[in-house]
Every structure is written in C-alpha cells, then in structure tokens.
Amino acid sequence: MNKKSEAGYSCCKCGLKVKRLKSLKKLNGGFFCRKCAKEKRAKHREFLKRDVLGLTKEQEEEERLEVVNKYSRDRTKRKRIERDKERQKNPKINLPKMKSIIKSKGKRVSSLGIYITKVEKLVLYKKLVQSSLDSKAANNRIQLLSDKMNEFKEKLKETVKTKEELNERFKLEWGKLMERENKGVVGE
C-alpha cells in the first residue's frame, strides 16, 4: 500500500516520492506514479489480448486494419452523402454546349495581323443559333462572312501599305458586316 513519509507519498512500484496524493494514480488498491501506471495498464491490455482472448499479433494487426478500413469507408460514405445533399440544395445548371466551329477560312496571315478569330466566330454562331437558325445555316452565314472579309482583305492589300491602317480598315469593315448581320441583310 501507500506509505506516508516525511516527504509525502510514494509510488508502490518504483518508490518515487511526491508531496500530494493527487500526483499518484490508484490501480487495484495501490498508488502508482504516472509512468508505472501506464506500464501496468499496457501489461494488463496485453494480458487480456493474448491470454483471455487468445489473439496472436497477426490477428490483432488484421483486426486493427479492418477497423481502420471500416472507418475509412464510413467516412467516404458520409462525405458522398453530404456532397449529394449539397448538390440537391444547389443544383448545377447544365447549359447545352455550343458546337465549335472549325476554323478553315479564318486562318491567320503571318505577314498581317488580320483575321477573324475563332472567338468572334463562336460569338456570331451563338447569336445566329439563338435567333432560331439551325447549325448548318449558321455555319453557312459565317462562311459567307469569312469569304467577304477575305475578299476585302485582298483589296486592302493592294491599296494600303501600312499595317496600322490595314488593321483599322479591316476592323471597320468587320463592324459594318456585324451590324448588317444583326439586321439580317447578309446571307439572305
């Protein structure tokens, strides 16, 4: 048992002296310091696993892995359920994807910075499709616009010598064509 000495109380196993009884742990009728109590609990757990339950170290490791895997599966299941609930609260709006336009006539001329970009063609395509045209008719109109711009570019090459002026006139003509297209004049 515990002996009270001049210094205070002492551990039953190692004899460590402490001033307060609160510093000792009570296990099976004896008072032990923290280190000895930890060792005693570990030995008792080992005794229960080996002698009482009859588990080998391999079986113990398998059970530990099974518990870890079960916890992992449960955690992923909970995450999936939470994600599904979140998606039901805030459903994603799936817009139909617009058909991309193959850039055939609008290739860049390396000596000049003049061409109709793919983005411009896509914007025009979307506008045409939204104005109740089917994709074939929209592609035909875009092809017609590209042809007109190529003809205009060839005329400009003959008359204008500076790139800045060429770019400026090309952009002006493109803007005029877009205005006419919005009114429905081109390609009809």
N, C-alpha and C. Protein backbone atom coordinates (compact mmCIF):
# COMPACT_ATOMS: atom_id res chain seq x y z
N MET A 1 0.84 -1.19 0.00
CA MET A 1 0.00 0.00 0.00
C MET A 1 0.88 1.24 0.00
N ASN A 2 0.20 2.33 0.28
CA ASN A 2 0.85 3.61 0.21
C ASN A 2 1.41 3.97 1.58
N LYS A 3 2.63 4.40 1.56
CA LYS A 3 3.25 4.80 2.82
C LYS A 3 3.42 6.30 2.82
N LYS A 4 3.01 6.89 3.93
CA LYS A 4 3.19 8.33 4.07
C LYS A 4 4.52 8.54 4.77
N SER A 5 5.40 9.24 4.10
CA SER A 5 6.72 9.52 4.69
C SER A 5 6.81 11.01 5.00
N GLU A 6 8.01 11.43 5.41
CA GLU A 6 8.19 12.85 5.73
C GLU A 6 8.00 13.71 4.49
N ALA A 7 8.44 13.22 3.32
CA ALA A 7 8.35 13.99 2.09
C ALA A 7 6.94 14.00 1.54
N GLY A 8 6.10 13.04 1.89
CA GLY A 8 4.75 12.97 1.36
C GLY A 8 4.39 11.53 1.08
N TYR A 9 3.93 11.23 -0.13
CA TYR A 9 3.51 9.90 -0.53
C TYR A 9 4.50 9.31 -1.53
N SER A 10 4.47 7.97 -1.67
CA SER A 10 5.41 7.33 -2.59
C SER A 10 4.69 6.28 -3.44
N CYS A 11 5.28 6.00 -4.62
CA CYS A 11 4.75 5.01 -5.56
C CYS A 11 4.99 3.62 -4.99
N CYS A 12 4.01 2.71 -5.19
CA CYS A 12 4.14 1.34 -4.68
C CYS A 12 5.19 0.54 -5.45
N LYS A 13 5.41 0.84 -6.71
CA LYS A 13 6.31 0.04 -7.54
C LYS A 13 7.74 0.58 -7.52
N CYS A 14 7.90 1.87 -7.91
CA CYS A 14 9.26 2.41 -8.04
C CYS A 14 9.71 3.21 -6.81
N GLY A 15 8.80 3.56 -5.93
CA GLY A 15 9.16 4.28 -4.71
C GLY A 15 9.37 5.77 -4.91
N LEU A 16 8.87 6.34 -6.01
CA LEU A 16 9.00 7.77 -6.27
C LEU A 16 8.22 8.54 -5.22
N LYS A 17 8.85 9.54 -4.60
CA LYS A 17 8.20 10.30 -3.54
C LYS A 17 7.57 11.56 -4.13
N VAL A 18 6.32 11.80 -3.74
CA VAL A 18 5.59 13.01 -4.17
C VAL A 18 4.97 13.65 -2.94
N LYS A 19 4.71 14.93 -3.04
CA LYS A 19 4.15 15.65 -1.89
C LYS A 19 2.65 15.45 -1.76
N ARG A 20 1.96 15.31 -2.92
CA ARG A 20 0.49 15.21 -2.87
C ARG A 20 0.04 13.85 -3.37
N LEU A 21 -1.02 13.37 -2.81
CA LEU A 21 -1.60 12.11 -3.22
C LEU A 21 -2.21 12.20 -4.61
N LYS A 22 -2.58 13.44 -5.02
CA LYS A 22 -3.17 13.68 -6.34
C LYS A 22 -2.22 13.34 -7.48
N SER A 23 -0.93 13.35 -7.20
CA SER A 23 0.07 13.05 -8.22
C SER A 23 0.17 11.57 -8.51
N LEU A 24 -0.46 10.72 -7.70
CA LEU A 24 -0.42 9.28 -7.88
C LEU A 24 -1.75 8.78 -8.43
N LYS A 25 -1.71 7.66 -9.16
CA LYS A 25 -2.91 7.03 -9.71
C LYS A 25 -3.24 5.81 -8.87
N LYS A 26 -4.52 5.58 -8.62
CA LYS A 26 -4.94 4.42 -7.85
C LYS A 26 -5.34 3.29 -8.79
N LEU A 27 -4.62 2.16 -8.72
CA LEU A 27 -4.92 0.99 -9.54
C LEU A 27 -4.89 -0.24 -8.66
N ASN A 28 -6.00 -0.98 -8.61
CA ASN A 28 -6.09 -2.23 -7.87
C ASN A 28 -5.62 -2.10 -6.42
N GLY A 29 -6.04 -1.06 -5.76
CA GLY A 29 -5.74 -0.91 -4.34
C GLY A 29 -4.38 -0.30 -4.06
N GLY A 30 -3.57 -0.03 -5.05
CA GLY A 30 -2.26 0.58 -4.84
C GLY A 30 -2.18 1.92 -5.55
N PHE A 31 -1.21 2.72 -5.11
CA PHE A 31 -1.00 4.03 -5.71
C PHE A 31 0.30 3.99 -6.51
N PHE A 32 0.20 4.40 -7.78
CA PHE A 32 1.34 4.34 -8.69
C PHE A 32 1.58 5.70 -9.33
N CYS A 33 2.85 5.99 -9.62
CA CYS A 33 3.16 7.22 -10.37
C CYS A 33 2.66 7.04 -11.80
N ARG A 34 2.65 8.11 -12.55
CA ARG A 34 2.09 8.06 -13.91
C ARG A 34 2.82 7.06 -14.79
N LYS A 35 4.12 7.05 -14.72
CA LYS A 35 4.92 6.15 -15.57
C LYS A 35 4.61 4.69 -15.25
N CYS A 36 4.59 4.34 -13.96
CA CYS A 36 4.31 2.96 -13.56
C CYS A 36 2.87 2.57 -13.88
N ALA A 37 1.92 3.51 -13.74
CA ALA A 37 0.51 3.22 -14.04
C ALA A 37 0.34 2.95 -15.53
N LYS A 38 1.05 3.68 -16.35
CA LYS A 38 0.99 3.48 -17.80
C LYS A 38 1.52 2.10 -18.17
N GLU A 39 2.65 1.72 -17.58
CA GLU A 39 3.22 0.40 -17.84
C GLU A 39 2.27 -0.71 -17.38
N LYS A 40 1.68 -0.54 -16.21
CA LYS A 40 0.78 -1.56 -15.66
C LYS A 40 -0.46 -1.73 -16.54
N ARG A 41 -1.02 -0.62 -17.01
CA ARG A 41 -2.19 -0.70 -17.90
C ARG A 41 -1.82 -1.39 -19.22
N ALA A 42 -0.64 -1.08 -19.77
CA ALA A 42 -0.20 -1.70 -21.02
C ALA A 42 -0.03 -3.21 -20.83
N LYS A 43 0.56 -3.63 -19.73
CA LYS A 43 0.72 -5.07 -19.46
C LYS A 43 -0.63 -5.75 -19.31
N HIS A 44 -1.56 -5.08 -18.66
CA HIS A 44 -2.89 -5.67 -18.47
C HIS A 44 -3.62 -5.82 -19.81
N ARG A 45 -3.51 -4.81 -20.68
CA ARG A 45 -4.12 -4.90 -22.01
C ARG A 45 -3.51 -6.06 -22.80
N GLU A 46 -2.21 -6.19 -22.73
CA GLU A 46 -1.52 -7.28 -23.43
C GLU A 46 -1.99 -8.63 -22.88
N PHE A 47 -2.13 -8.73 -21.57
CA PHE A 47 -2.61 -9.97 -20.94
C PHE A 47 -4.01 -10.31 -21.44
N LEU A 48 -4.89 -9.30 -21.51
CA LEU A 48 -6.26 -9.55 -21.99
C LEU A 48 -6.26 -10.03 -23.45
N LYS A 49 -5.44 -9.41 -24.29
CA LYS A 49 -5.41 -9.79 -25.71
C LYS A 49 -4.86 -11.19 -25.89
N ARG A 50 -3.73 -11.50 -25.25
CA ARG A 50 -3.06 -12.78 -25.50
C ARG A 50 -3.72 -13.94 -24.76
N ASP A 51 -3.88 -13.79 -23.44
CA ASP A 51 -4.33 -14.93 -22.63
C ASP A 51 -5.84 -15.08 -22.60
N VAL A 52 -6.58 -13.99 -22.39
CA VAL A 52 -8.03 -14.09 -22.27
C VAL A 52 -8.69 -14.29 -23.63
N LEU A 53 -8.36 -13.40 -24.60
CA LEU A 53 -8.98 -13.50 -25.93
C LEU A 53 -8.26 -14.48 -26.85
N GLY A 54 -7.01 -14.78 -26.56
CA GLY A 54 -6.26 -15.74 -27.37
C GLY A 54 -5.88 -15.20 -28.74
N LEU A 55 -5.59 -13.90 -28.85
CA LEU A 55 -5.22 -13.30 -30.14
C LEU A 55 -3.71 -13.34 -30.33
N THR A 56 -3.30 -13.63 -31.55
CA THR A 56 -1.88 -13.50 -31.90
C THR A 56 -1.64 -12.09 -32.41
N LYS A 57 -0.38 -11.74 -32.58
CA LYS A 57 -0.07 -10.39 -33.06
C LYS A 57 -0.59 -10.16 -34.48
N GLU A 58 -0.56 -11.21 -35.31
CA GLU A 58 -1.06 -11.09 -36.69
C GLU A 58 -2.57 -10.84 -36.69
N GLN A 59 -3.29 -11.59 -35.85
CA GLN A 59 -4.74 -11.40 -35.76
C GLN A 59 -5.09 -10.00 -35.26
N GLU A 60 -4.30 -9.55 -34.29
CA GLU A 60 -4.53 -8.20 -33.76
C GLU A 60 -4.31 -7.14 -34.84
N GLU A 61 -3.26 -7.32 -35.66
CA GLU A 61 -2.98 -6.37 -36.74
C GLU A 61 -4.09 -6.40 -37.78
N GLU A 62 -4.60 -7.60 -38.11
CA GLU A 62 -5.70 -7.71 -39.07
C GLU A 62 -6.94 -6.99 -38.56
N GLU A 63 -7.26 -7.18 -37.29
CA GLU A 63 -8.43 -6.50 -36.72
C GLU A 63 -8.27 -4.99 -36.73
N ARG A 64 -7.03 -4.55 -36.41
CA ARG A 64 -6.77 -3.11 -36.42
C ARG A 64 -6.96 -2.55 -37.83
N LEU A 65 -6.43 -3.24 -38.84
CA LEU A 65 -6.60 -2.79 -40.23
C LEU A 65 -8.06 -2.81 -40.65
N GLU A 66 -8.81 -3.83 -40.20
CA GLU A 66 -10.23 -3.91 -40.52
C GLU A 66 -10.99 -2.72 -39.94
N VAL A 67 -10.66 -2.36 -38.71
CA VAL A 67 -11.32 -1.21 -38.07
C VAL A 67 -10.97 0.07 -38.82
N VAL A 68 -9.69 0.21 -39.19
CA VAL A 68 -9.26 1.42 -39.92
C VAL A 68 -9.96 1.49 -41.27
N ASN A 69 -10.04 0.37 -41.99
CA ASN A 69 -10.71 0.36 -43.30
C ASN A 69 -12.20 0.66 -43.17
N LYS A 70 -12.82 0.10 -42.14
CA LYS A 70 -14.25 0.35 -41.91
C LYS A 70 -14.48 1.84 -41.65
N TYR A 71 -13.61 2.43 -40.83
CA TYR A 71 -13.73 3.85 -40.54
C TYR A 71 -13.55 4.66 -41.83
N SER A 72 -12.58 4.27 -42.65
CA SER A 72 -12.32 4.97 -43.91
C SER A 72 -13.53 4.88 -44.84
N ARG A 73 -14.11 3.67 -44.96
CA ARG A 73 -15.29 3.51 -45.82
C ARG A 73 -16.46 4.34 -45.31
N ASP A 74 -16.65 4.32 -43.99
CA ASP A 74 -17.75 5.11 -43.42
C ASP A 74 -17.55 6.59 -43.67
N ARG A 75 -16.30 7.05 -43.55
CA ARG A 75 -16.01 8.47 -43.75
C ARG A 75 -16.28 8.87 -45.20
N THR A 76 -15.83 8.04 -46.16
CA THR A 76 -16.08 8.37 -47.57
C THR A 76 -17.57 8.31 -47.88
N LYS A 77 -18.28 7.38 -47.26
CA LYS A 77 -19.73 7.29 -47.47
C LYS A 77 -20.42 8.55 -46.95
N ARG A 78 -20.00 8.99 -45.76
CA ARG A 78 -20.58 10.22 -45.19
C ARG A 78 -20.29 11.42 -46.08
N LYS A 79 -19.06 11.50 -46.59
CA LYS A 79 -18.71 12.61 -47.48
C LYS A 79 -19.55 12.60 -48.73
N ARG A 80 -19.76 11.39 -49.30
CA ARG A 80 -20.55 11.27 -50.52
C ARG A 80 -21.99 11.70 -50.25
N ILE A 81 -22.55 11.28 -49.12
CA ILE A 81 -23.92 11.66 -48.78
C ILE A 81 -24.03 13.17 -48.59
N GLU A 82 -23.06 13.77 -47.90
CA GLU A 82 -23.07 15.23 -47.71
C GLU A 82 -22.96 15.95 -49.04
N ARG A 83 -22.09 15.45 -49.93
CA ARG A 83 -21.92 16.08 -51.24
C ARG A 83 -23.21 15.99 -52.05
N ASP A 84 -23.88 14.83 -51.99
CA ASP A 84 -25.14 14.68 -52.71
C ASP A 84 -26.21 15.61 -52.16
N LYS A 85 -26.26 15.76 -50.84
CA LYS A 85 -27.23 16.68 -50.24
C LYS A 85 -26.95 18.12 -50.69
N GLU A 86 -25.67 18.47 -50.73
CA GLU A 86 -25.28 19.82 -51.16
C GLU A 86 -25.66 20.05 -52.61
N ARG A 87 -25.48 19.03 -53.44
CA ARG A 87 -25.84 19.16 -54.85
C ARG A 87 -27.35 19.28 -55.02
N GLN A 88 -28.11 18.62 -54.17
CA GLN A 88 -29.57 18.73 -54.26
C GLN A 88 -30.02 20.12 -53.85
N LYS A 89 -29.32 20.71 -52.87
CA LYS A 89 -29.68 22.06 -52.44
C LYS A 89 -29.34 23.08 -53.53
N ASN A 90 -28.16 22.96 -54.10
CA ASN A 90 -27.69 23.91 -55.13
C ASN A 90 -27.41 23.14 -56.41
N PRO A 91 -28.42 22.84 -57.20
CA PRO A 91 -28.15 22.06 -58.42
C PRO A 91 -27.37 22.88 -59.43
N LYS A 92 -26.48 22.20 -60.13
CA LYS A 92 -25.68 22.85 -61.16
C LYS A 92 -26.52 22.98 -62.42
N ILE A 93 -26.47 24.14 -63.03
CA ILE A 93 -27.24 24.38 -64.24
C ILE A 93 -26.38 23.94 -65.43
N ASN A 94 -26.84 22.93 -66.12
CA ASN A 94 -26.10 22.42 -67.28
C ASN A 94 -26.67 23.04 -68.55
N LEU A 95 -25.91 23.94 -69.13
CA LEU A 95 -26.30 24.56 -70.38
C LEU A 95 -25.84 23.68 -71.53
N PRO A 96 -26.60 23.62 -72.60
CA PRO A 96 -26.14 22.81 -73.73
C PRO A 96 -24.88 23.44 -74.33
N LYS A 97 -23.93 22.58 -74.68
CA LYS A 97 -22.68 23.08 -75.24
C LYS A 97 -22.90 23.43 -76.70
N MET A 98 -22.35 24.57 -77.07
CA MET A 98 -22.48 25.02 -78.45
C MET A 98 -21.44 24.31 -79.31
N LYS A 99 -21.81 23.98 -80.49
CA LYS A 99 -20.93 23.29 -81.42
C LYS A 99 -19.78 24.21 -81.81
N SER A 100 -18.57 23.70 -81.72
CA SER A 100 -17.43 24.53 -82.08
C SER A 100 -17.32 24.63 -83.59
N ILE A 101 -16.83 25.73 -84.03
CA ILE A 101 -16.71 25.98 -85.46
C ILE A 101 -15.29 25.66 -85.91
N ILE A 102 -15.18 24.91 -86.96
CA ILE A 102 -13.86 24.59 -87.49
C ILE A 102 -13.34 25.82 -88.22
N LYS A 103 -12.16 26.23 -87.83
CA LYS A 103 -11.59 27.44 -88.40
C LYS A 103 -10.89 27.09 -89.70
N SER A 104 -11.58 27.32 -90.82
CA SER A 104 -10.98 26.97 -92.10
C SER A 104 -10.56 28.22 -92.87
N LYS A 105 -11.47 29.18 -93.00
CA LYS A 105 -11.17 30.37 -93.79
C LYS A 105 -10.51 31.46 -92.96
N GLY A 106 -10.64 31.39 -91.64
CA GLY A 106 -10.13 32.48 -90.81
C GLY A 106 -8.73 32.26 -90.31
N LYS A 107 -7.88 31.58 -91.08
CA LYS A 107 -6.51 31.35 -90.64
C LYS A 107 -5.73 32.65 -90.66
N ARG A 108 -4.78 32.72 -89.78
CA ARG A 108 -4.01 33.95 -89.65
C ARG A 108 -3.00 34.07 -90.79
N VAL A 109 -2.94 35.26 -91.31
CA VAL A 109 -1.93 35.57 -92.31
C VAL A 109 -0.73 36.07 -91.54
N SER A 110 0.40 35.38 -91.68
CA SER A 110 1.53 35.67 -90.80
C SER A 110 2.09 37.07 -91.03
N SER A 111 2.03 37.58 -92.26
CA SER A 111 2.59 38.89 -92.52
C SER A 111 1.69 40.00 -92.00
N LEU A 112 0.39 39.71 -91.87
CA LEU A 112 -0.56 40.71 -91.39
C LEU A 112 -1.22 40.20 -90.12
N GLY A 113 -1.76 41.11 -89.32
CA GLY A 113 -2.47 40.72 -88.11
C GLY A 113 -3.96 40.68 -88.35
N ILE A 114 -4.38 40.40 -89.58
CA ILE A 114 -5.80 40.49 -89.93
C ILE A 114 -6.36 39.10 -90.13
N TYR A 115 -7.37 38.77 -89.35
CA TYR A 115 -8.09 37.53 -89.50
C TYR A 115 -9.31 37.58 -88.59
N ILE A 116 -10.25 36.73 -88.85
CA ILE A 116 -11.42 36.62 -87.97
C ILE A 116 -11.11 35.52 -86.98
N THR A 117 -11.12 35.86 -85.71
CA THR A 117 -10.71 34.89 -84.70
C THR A 117 -11.79 33.85 -84.47
N LYS A 118 -11.39 32.76 -83.85
CA LYS A 118 -12.32 31.68 -83.54
C LYS A 118 -13.36 32.16 -82.52
N VAL A 119 -12.93 33.00 -81.60
CA VAL A 119 -13.85 33.52 -80.59
C VAL A 119 -14.94 34.36 -81.25
N GLU A 120 -14.54 35.20 -82.22
CA GLU A 120 -15.54 36.01 -82.93
C GLU A 120 -16.52 35.12 -83.67
N LYS A 121 -16.00 34.05 -84.27
CA LYS A 121 -16.89 33.13 -84.99
C LYS A 121 -17.85 32.43 -84.02
N LEU A 122 -17.34 32.03 -82.86
CA LEU A 122 -18.21 31.37 -81.88
C LEU A 122 -19.30 32.30 -81.37
N VAL A 123 -18.93 33.56 -81.11
CA VAL A 123 -19.93 34.53 -80.64
C VAL A 123 -21.00 34.71 -81.71
N LEU A 124 -20.58 34.85 -82.95
CA LEU A 124 -21.53 35.01 -84.04
C LEU A 124 -22.39 33.76 -84.19
N TYR A 125 -21.78 32.59 -84.07
CA TYR A 125 -22.52 31.33 -84.17
C TYR A 125 -23.60 31.25 -83.09
N LYS A 126 -23.24 31.61 -81.86
CA LYS A 126 -24.22 31.57 -80.76
C LYS A 126 -25.37 32.53 -81.02
N LYS A 127 -25.04 33.72 -81.51
CA LYS A 127 -26.10 34.69 -81.83
C LYS A 127 -27.04 34.15 -82.89
N LEU A 128 -26.47 33.55 -83.91
CA LEU A 128 -27.29 33.03 -85.00
C LEU A 128 -28.16 31.86 -84.55
N VAL A 129 -27.61 30.98 -83.73
CA VAL A 129 -28.39 29.84 -83.24
C VAL A 129 -29.51 30.31 -82.32
N GLN A 130 -29.22 31.32 -81.51
CA GLN A 130 -30.25 31.83 -80.61
C GLN A 130 -31.35 32.56 -81.37
N SER A 131 -31.03 33.06 -82.55
CA SER A 131 -32.05 33.74 -83.35
C SER A 131 -32.78 32.74 -84.25
N SER A 132 -32.90 31.50 -83.77
CA SER A 132 -33.68 30.42 -84.38
C SER A 132 -33.18 29.96 -85.75
N LEU A 133 -31.88 29.94 -85.93
CA LEU A 133 -31.28 29.34 -87.12
C LEU A 133 -30.72 27.98 -86.74
N ASP A 134 -30.76 27.03 -87.64
CA ASP A 134 -30.14 25.75 -87.34
C ASP A 134 -28.63 25.87 -87.57
N SER A 135 -27.88 24.87 -87.11
CA SER A 135 -26.43 24.99 -87.12
C SER A 135 -25.85 25.04 -88.54
N LYS A 136 -26.48 24.36 -89.47
CA LYS A 136 -25.98 24.36 -90.85
C LYS A 136 -26.10 25.75 -91.47
N ALA A 137 -27.26 26.39 -91.26
CA ALA A 137 -27.45 27.74 -91.81
C ALA A 137 -26.51 28.74 -91.14
N ALA A 138 -26.30 28.58 -89.83
CA ALA A 138 -25.39 29.48 -89.12
C ALA A 138 -23.98 29.32 -89.65
N ASN A 139 -23.55 28.08 -89.87
CA ASN A 139 -22.20 27.85 -90.41
C ASN A 139 -22.07 28.44 -91.82
N ASN A 140 -23.12 28.32 -92.63
CA ASN A 140 -23.09 28.91 -93.98
C ASN A 140 -22.94 30.42 -93.92
N ARG A 141 -23.68 31.05 -93.02
CA ARG A 141 -23.57 32.51 -92.88
C ARG A 141 -22.19 32.92 -92.44
N ILE A 142 -21.63 32.19 -91.50
CA ILE A 142 -20.28 32.52 -91.02
C ILE A 142 -19.27 32.32 -92.14
N GLN A 143 -19.45 31.27 -92.92
CA GLN A 143 -18.57 31.02 -94.07
C GLN A 143 -18.65 32.17 -95.06
N LEU A 144 -19.86 32.65 -95.32
CA LEU A 144 -20.08 33.77 -96.23
C LEU A 144 -19.38 35.03 -95.73
N LEU A 145 -19.52 35.29 -94.41
CA LEU A 145 -18.84 36.45 -93.83
C LEU A 145 -17.32 36.31 -93.96
N SER A 146 -16.78 35.14 -93.71
CA SER A 146 -15.34 34.94 -93.83
C SER A 146 -14.87 35.17 -95.26
N ASP A 147 -15.65 34.68 -96.22
CA ASP A 147 -15.29 34.90 -97.62
C ASP A 147 -15.28 36.39 -97.96
N LYS A 148 -16.32 37.12 -97.51
CA LYS A 148 -16.38 38.56 -97.78
C LYS A 148 -15.19 39.28 -97.16
N MET A 149 -14.83 38.89 -95.92
CA MET A 149 -13.71 39.55 -95.26
C MET A 149 -12.39 39.21 -95.96
N ASN A 150 -12.26 38.01 -96.49
CA ASN A 150 -11.05 37.66 -97.23
C ASN A 150 -10.94 38.47 -98.51
N GLU A 151 -12.05 38.64 -99.21
CA GLU A 151 -12.05 39.48 -100.42
C GLU A 151 -11.67 40.91 -100.08
N PHE A 152 -12.26 41.42 -99.00
CA PHE A 152 -11.96 42.79 -98.57
C PHE A 152 -10.48 42.92 -98.21
N LYS A 153 -9.93 41.90 -97.56
CA LYS A 153 -8.53 41.93 -97.16
C LYS A 153 -7.62 41.97 -98.39
N GLU A 154 -7.97 41.20 -99.44
CA GLU A 154 -7.17 41.20 -100.66
C GLU A 154 -7.20 42.57 -101.34
N LYS A 155 -8.36 43.21 -101.33
CA LYS A 155 -8.46 44.56 -101.91
C LYS A 155 -7.61 45.55 -101.11
N LEU A 156 -7.67 45.40 -99.76
CA LEU A 156 -6.90 46.32 -98.92
C LEU A 156 -5.40 46.14 -99.12
N LYS A 157 -4.95 44.94 -99.34
CA LYS A 157 -3.52 44.69 -99.54
C LYS A 157 -2.98 45.46 -100.74
N GLU A 158 -3.80 45.59 -101.76
CA GLU A 158 -3.37 46.29 -102.96
C GLU A 158 -3.29 47.79 -102.75
N THR A 159 -4.22 48.36 -101.98
CA THR A 159 -4.30 49.82 -101.86
C THR A 159 -3.52 50.37 -100.66
N VAL A 160 -3.58 49.70 -99.51
CA VAL A 160 -2.99 50.25 -98.28
C VAL A 160 -1.63 49.62 -98.04
N LYS A 161 -0.66 50.44 -97.59
CA LYS A 161 0.69 49.94 -97.40
C LYS A 161 1.05 49.72 -95.93
N THR A 162 0.50 50.48 -94.99
CA THR A 162 0.88 50.33 -93.58
C THR A 162 -0.03 49.33 -92.86
N LYS A 163 0.54 48.60 -91.92
CA LYS A 163 -0.22 47.59 -91.19
C LYS A 163 -1.28 48.23 -90.29
N GLU A 164 -0.95 49.38 -89.69
CA GLU A 164 -1.89 50.03 -88.78
C GLU A 164 -3.16 50.43 -89.51
N GLU A 165 -3.00 51.04 -90.64
CA GLU A 165 -4.16 51.47 -91.43
C GLU A 165 -4.94 50.25 -91.93
N LEU A 166 -4.23 49.22 -92.31
CA LEU A 166 -4.86 47.99 -92.77
C LEU A 166 -5.72 47.37 -91.67
N ASN A 167 -5.15 47.29 -90.47
CA ASN A 167 -5.90 46.74 -89.32
C ASN A 167 -7.12 47.59 -89.02
N GLU A 168 -6.94 48.91 -89.07
CA GLU A 168 -8.04 49.82 -88.76
C GLU A 168 -9.20 49.65 -89.75
N ARG A 169 -8.88 49.60 -91.03
CA ARG A 169 -9.94 49.45 -92.05
C ARG A 169 -10.62 48.08 -91.96
N PHE A 170 -9.82 47.06 -91.68
CA PHE A 170 -10.38 45.72 -91.54
C PHE A 170 -11.38 45.68 -90.39
N LYS A 171 -11.02 46.30 -89.27
CA LYS A 171 -11.92 46.31 -88.12
C LYS A 171 -13.19 47.11 -88.41
N LEU A 172 -13.04 48.21 -89.13
CA LEU A 172 -14.23 49.00 -89.51
C LEU A 172 -15.16 48.17 -90.39
N GLU A 173 -14.61 47.48 -91.37
CA GLU A 173 -15.43 46.67 -92.27
C GLU A 173 -16.09 45.52 -91.51
N TRP A 174 -15.35 44.91 -90.58
CA TRP A 174 -15.92 43.82 -89.77
C TRP A 174 -17.10 44.33 -88.93
N GLY A 175 -16.94 45.53 -88.36
CA GLY A 175 -18.03 46.12 -87.59
C GLY A 175 -19.25 46.38 -88.46
N LYS A 176 -19.04 46.89 -89.68
CA LYS A 176 -20.17 47.13 -90.59
C LYS A 176 -20.88 45.82 -90.94
N LEU A 177 -20.08 44.78 -91.22
CA LEU A 177 -20.69 43.48 -91.53
C LEU A 177 -21.49 42.92 -90.36
N MET A 178 -20.99 43.13 -89.16
CA MET A 178 -21.70 42.63 -87.97
C MET A 178 -23.03 43.37 -87.80
N GLU A 179 -23.00 44.69 -88.06
CA GLU A 179 -24.26 45.46 -87.97
C GLU A 179 -25.26 44.96 -88.99
N ARG A 180 -24.78 44.75 -90.21
CA ARG A 180 -25.70 44.24 -91.25
C ARG A 180 -26.19 42.84 -90.92
N GLU A 181 -25.33 42.03 -90.31
CA GLU A 181 -25.72 40.66 -89.95
C GLU A 181 -26.81 40.69 -88.87
N ASN A 182 -26.64 41.61 -87.92
CA ASN A 182 -27.66 41.72 -86.86
C ASN A 182 -29.01 42.16 -87.44
N LYS A 183 -28.95 42.95 -88.49
CA LYS A 183 -30.22 43.38 -89.14
C LYS A 183 -30.75 42.31 -90.06
N GLY A 184 -29.91 41.33 -90.45
CA GLY A 184 -30.37 40.24 -91.29
C GLY A 184 -30.18 40.48 -92.76
N VAL A 185 -29.27 41.38 -93.15
CA VAL A 185 -29.08 41.70 -94.56
C VAL A 185 -28.15 40.70 -95.24
N VAL A 186 -27.07 40.30 -94.56
CA VAL A 186 -26.04 39.46 -95.17
C VAL A 186 -26.51 38.02 -95.23
N GLY A 187 -26.25 37.35 -96.34
CA GLY A 187 -26.51 35.92 -96.46
C GLY A 187 -27.96 35.57 -96.78
N GLU A 188 -28.77 36.49 -97.11
CA GLU A 188 -30.17 36.19 -97.43
C GLU A 188 -30.46 36.39 -98.89
